[in-house]
Protein backbone atom coordinates (compact mmCIF):
# COMPACT_ATOMS: atom_id res chain seq x y z
CA MET A 1 -72.27 -6.77 -83.99
CA VAL A 2 -75.21 -9.35 -83.14
CA ILE A 3 -76.04 -9.13 -79.29
CA VAL A 4 -77.87 -12.26 -78.08
CA SER A 5 -79.22 -14.59 -74.99
CA PRO A 6 -78.68 -18.15 -75.31
CA GLU A 7 -82.25 -18.90 -75.53
CA LEU A 8 -82.90 -16.72 -78.11
CA LEU A 9 -80.26 -17.84 -80.13
CA LEU A 10 -81.03 -21.88 -79.79
CA ASN A 11 -84.67 -21.28 -79.72
CA ASP A 12 -85.81 -18.84 -82.48
CA GLY A 13 -86.17 -20.15 -85.75
CA ARG A 14 -85.06 -17.04 -87.58
CA PHE A 15 -81.69 -17.89 -86.55
CA GLU A 16 -81.79 -21.21 -87.60
CA VAL A 17 -82.63 -19.69 -91.09
CA LEU A 18 -79.42 -17.86 -90.88
CA TRP A 19 -76.97 -20.70 -89.87
CA GLY A 20 -77.70 -21.94 -93.26
CA LYS A 21 -76.68 -18.60 -95.02
CA LYS A 22 -73.17 -19.14 -96.39
CA LYS A 23 -73.68 -15.36 -97.08
CA PHE A 24 -74.45 -14.53 -93.73
CA THR A 25 -71.99 -16.88 -91.96
CA ASP A 26 -68.67 -16.02 -93.70
CA LYS A 27 -69.54 -12.70 -92.13
CA ILE A 28 -68.59 -14.26 -88.72
CA ILE A 29 -65.12 -13.00 -87.48
CA ASN A 30 -65.62 -13.96 -83.91
CA VAL A 31 -68.10 -15.27 -81.34
CA SER A 32 -67.63 -14.07 -77.74
CA LEU A 33 -69.21 -15.03 -74.44
CA ASP A 34 -69.42 -13.06 -72.00
CA GLU A 35 -69.05 -14.13 -68.28
CA ALA A 36 -68.26 -17.47 -69.43
CA HIS A 37 -68.13 -18.87 -65.62
CA VAL A 38 -72.00 -19.13 -65.17
CA ILE A 39 -72.20 -21.70 -68.48
CA LYS A 40 -70.83 -24.17 -65.98
CA GLU A 41 -72.73 -22.37 -63.23
CA TRP A 42 -76.59 -22.19 -64.07
CA GLY A 43 -76.39 -25.02 -67.10
CA GLY A 44 -77.31 -27.48 -64.95
CA THR A 45 -79.58 -25.38 -63.33
CA PHE A 46 -82.11 -23.36 -64.17
CA ARG A 47 -81.05 -21.73 -67.74
CA SER A 48 -80.11 -25.47 -69.27
CA ASN A 49 -79.68 -23.79 -72.59
CA TYR A 50 -75.94 -22.66 -71.58
CA LEU A 51 -75.03 -26.35 -71.88
CA ARG A 52 -76.56 -26.18 -75.39
CA ILE A 53 -74.22 -23.28 -77.21
CA GLY A 54 -71.27 -25.74 -77.90
CA PRO A 55 -73.08 -27.86 -81.21
CA LEU A 56 -73.17 -24.46 -82.78
CA ARG A 57 -69.48 -24.99 -83.55
CA TYR A 58 -70.05 -26.63 -86.02
CA LEU A 59 -72.47 -24.06 -87.86
CA PHE A 60 -69.40 -21.81 -88.62
CA PRO A 61 -66.38 -22.09 -90.53
CA ARG A 62 -63.43 -23.46 -88.41
CA THR A 63 -61.42 -20.25 -88.77
CA ILE A 64 -63.84 -18.45 -86.55
CA PRO A 65 -62.14 -18.08 -83.02
CA PHE A 66 -64.54 -18.31 -80.03
CA HIS A 67 -63.93 -15.94 -76.97
CA LEU A 68 -64.54 -16.20 -73.26
CA GLY A 69 -64.97 -13.58 -71.09
CA SER A 70 -64.54 -13.31 -67.51
CA ALA A 71 -63.48 -11.82 -64.22
CA THR A 72 -63.49 -14.56 -62.11
CA LEU A 73 -63.17 -18.09 -64.52
CA GLY A 74 -60.33 -20.32 -62.87
CA PRO A 75 -58.21 -22.63 -64.24
CA GLN A 76 -60.00 -25.83 -62.47
CA MET A 77 -63.20 -24.83 -64.69
CA GLU A 78 -61.31 -24.49 -68.16
CA PRO A 79 -61.12 -27.84 -68.96
CA GLU A 80 -65.06 -28.62 -68.61
CA LEU A 81 -65.90 -25.14 -70.41
CA ARG A 82 -63.59 -26.25 -73.56
CA ALA A 83 -64.90 -29.51 -73.94
CA ASN A 84 -68.30 -28.11 -73.36
CA LEU A 85 -68.08 -25.63 -76.23
CA HIS A 86 -66.05 -27.82 -78.49
CA LEU A 87 -62.75 -25.34 -78.44
CA ARG A 88 -60.32 -26.01 -81.01
CA PRO A 89 -57.31 -26.06 -78.74
CA GLU A 90 -55.09 -24.26 -82.12
CA MET A 91 -58.64 -21.37 -82.19
CA THR A 92 -58.16 -20.79 -78.30
CA SER A 93 -56.00 -18.46 -76.70
CA VAL A 94 -56.35 -17.13 -72.92
CA ILE A 95 -55.78 -13.51 -71.49
CA ARG A 96 -55.40 -13.50 -67.81
CA CYS A 97 -55.39 -9.96 -66.27
CA ASN A 98 -55.18 -8.99 -62.54
CA THR A 99 -58.14 -9.11 -60.57
CA ASP A 100 -57.36 -7.21 -57.73
CA ARG A 101 -58.87 -3.97 -56.60
CA PRO A 102 -57.28 -2.31 -54.14
CA ASN A 103 -60.15 0.18 -53.26
CA ILE A 104 -62.28 -3.25 -52.54
CA PHE A 105 -61.46 -5.74 -49.28
CA PHE A 106 -62.85 -8.44 -46.57
CA VAL A 107 -64.27 -7.91 -43.81
CA VAL A 108 -65.79 -10.23 -41.85
CA LYS A 109 -68.59 -9.17 -38.71
CA GLU A 110 -69.47 -11.38 -35.93
CA MET A 111 -73.65 -11.98 -36.18
CA LYS A 112 -74.73 -11.27 -32.93
CA HIS A 113 -78.41 -11.35 -33.69
CA PRO A 114 -81.36 -13.94 -35.67
CA LEU A 115 -80.20 -13.95 -39.18
CA ASN A 116 -84.40 -12.52 -39.92
CA SER A 117 -84.13 -9.92 -37.40
CA TYR A 118 -81.30 -7.86 -39.91
CA LYS A 119 -80.06 -6.48 -36.71
CA ASP A 120 -76.44 -7.42 -37.77
CA LEU A 121 -76.38 -4.27 -40.11
CA ALA A 122 -77.65 -1.79 -37.97
CA PHE A 123 -73.99 -0.31 -38.31
CA ILE A 124 -74.60 0.69 -41.91
CA ILE A 125 -77.32 3.43 -41.09
CA GLU A 126 -77.54 5.85 -37.75
CA LYS A 127 -80.45 5.16 -35.91
CA ASN A 128 -82.71 8.17 -36.57
CA LEU A 129 -80.94 9.92 -39.35
CA LYS A 130 -82.59 13.77 -40.18
CA PRO A 131 -82.67 15.23 -43.53
CA GLY A 132 -79.56 17.63 -43.71
CA GLY A 133 -77.19 14.90 -42.12
CA ILE A 134 -74.10 13.29 -43.01
CA LEU A 135 -75.44 10.66 -45.11
CA PRO A 136 -73.83 7.46 -44.69
CA PRO A 137 -71.61 6.21 -47.90
CA LYS A 138 -73.76 4.63 -50.37
CA PHE A 139 -74.09 0.81 -50.67
CA LEU A 140 -75.25 -2.28 -51.54
CA VAL A 141 -76.67 -5.27 -49.81
CA PHE A 142 -76.76 -8.76 -51.09
CA PHE A 143 -78.87 -11.75 -50.19
CA ASN A 144 -80.09 -14.79 -50.98
CA SER A 145 -84.27 -14.11 -51.70
CA ARG A 146 -86.39 -11.80 -52.85
CA GLY A 147 -88.00 -11.56 -49.64
CA GLU A 148 -84.70 -11.27 -47.42
CA ALA A 149 -83.80 -8.41 -50.15
CA GLN A 150 -87.02 -6.59 -49.51
CA GLY A 151 -87.08 -7.28 -45.62
CA GLY A 152 -83.40 -6.02 -45.22
CA ALA A 153 -84.11 -2.95 -46.82
CA GLU A 154 -87.07 -2.35 -44.82
CA TYR A 155 -85.14 -2.74 -41.52
CA LEU A 156 -82.77 0.17 -42.69
CA ARG A 157 -85.54 2.22 -43.98
CA ALA A 158 -87.31 2.04 -40.05
CA ARG A 159 -83.82 3.51 -39.17
CA LEU A 160 -84.64 6.85 -41.37
CA SER A 161 -87.12 9.47 -40.66
CA PRO A 162 -89.92 8.98 -43.21
CA GLU A 163 -88.72 11.65 -45.26
CA LEU A 164 -85.88 9.85 -45.86
CA ARG A 165 -87.00 6.41 -46.12
CA ASP A 166 -87.41 6.51 -49.90
CA LYS A 167 -83.38 6.78 -50.38
CA VAL A 168 -83.40 2.82 -49.80
CA GLY A 169 -84.67 0.06 -52.03
CA TRP A 170 -84.44 -3.16 -52.67
CA PHE A 171 -84.71 -4.61 -56.10
CA HIS A 172 -84.67 -8.72 -57.53
CA SER A 173 -85.29 -10.68 -60.79
CA GLY A 174 -88.96 -10.53 -60.01
CA MET A 175 -89.28 -6.57 -60.81
CA THR A 176 -89.11 -5.43 -64.58
CA ASP A 177 -86.07 -5.09 -66.56
CA GLU A 178 -86.83 -1.15 -66.43
CA TYR A 179 -87.54 -0.70 -63.18
CA ARG A 180 -83.95 -2.21 -62.12
CA GLU A 181 -82.28 -0.46 -64.27
CA GLU A 182 -83.72 2.96 -62.92
CA GLU A 183 -82.90 2.05 -59.23
CA MET A 184 -79.20 1.18 -60.30
CA HIS A 185 -79.10 4.29 -62.57
CA ALA A 186 -80.27 6.22 -59.15
CA LEU A 187 -78.15 4.46 -56.60
CA LEU A 188 -74.44 5.04 -59.34
CA VAL A 189 -75.46 8.67 -59.69
CA GLY A 190 -78.89 9.61 -58.01
CA ASN A 191 -79.76 10.66 -54.67
CA VAL A 192 -80.28 6.57 -53.30
CA MET A 193 -78.30 5.47 -50.46
CA GLY A 194 -78.97 2.14 -50.55
CA GLU A 195 -80.51 -1.20 -52.11
CA GLY A 196 -81.22 -4.27 -51.20
CA SER A 197 -80.90 -6.90 -53.55
CA THR A 198 -80.42 -10.66 -54.83
CA ASP A 199 -77.83 -11.22 -57.34
CA ALA A 200 -80.06 -9.21 -59.75
CA ALA A 201 -77.74 -6.42 -59.37
CA GLY A 202 -74.78 -8.39 -61.73
CA MET A 203 -77.35 -8.45 -64.42
CA VAL A 204 -78.60 -4.98 -64.80
CA GLY A 205 -78.84 -3.10 -68.20
CA SER A 206 -77.94 -6.84 -70.19
CA GLU A 207 -78.26 -10.53 -70.59
CA PRO A 208 -75.61 -12.16 -67.98
CA VAL A 209 -74.02 -14.03 -70.51
CA SER A 210 -74.39 -12.57 -74.20
CA LEU A 211 -73.10 -13.88 -77.65
CA CYS A 212 -71.55 -11.23 -79.28
CA PHE A 213 -71.36 -11.71 -83.29
CA SER A 214 -69.10 -9.35 -85.00
CA LEU A 215 -69.49 -9.35 -88.69
CA THR A 216 -67.61 -7.97 -91.79
CA ASP A 217 -68.48 -6.67 -95.27
CA SER A 218 -66.17 -9.54 -97.40
CA LYS A 219 -66.33 -7.47 -99.87
CA SER A 220 -64.95 -4.41 -98.44
CA GLY A 221 -63.46 -5.26 -95.36
CA ASN A 222 -65.35 -3.84 -93.23
């Protein structure tokens, strides 16, 4: 299996060499595009290579299927994606699973303070929570910018005693992959109480869209 980002796939000359080798393309059994909904959402903005994936279709044998993976790809986006990716109707199938999660629900709260004060986040952490006290449920608060993610986290930190302030952090795309992975791991299984984040939280551990090539030995069938 080969996992690669669209940028590397389209701009690294080593892949261009592989596309010309029948010995390689004959072993590809499928091409999978994970998080396919961002192809349209991001392709027209800061990652234009997403919209250039389609012509790759003509470098592979016609029998190789393309698979799109996404939990949020709505029916209204399908026609445009099919056209952009040059998907063949006879080689395309759609599988939809129920995305309902009964333990996740929306709650809307009216904001009572200026947005940049972060005071509407006060309910997350009890004021002056002391070491040894009952900790709040772990949380992940999303913000629209790096500065807001840090500002919100710092506001929540200020509600804690000094001994507990390192249990609230923040991360965004301006930090290293290693740091973000460590922070997310600490939030999930460590002693970190919560994080302020941009949507970089959804990208920890891998590229948000990866193309996976499953290869098989044409002689052995493995």
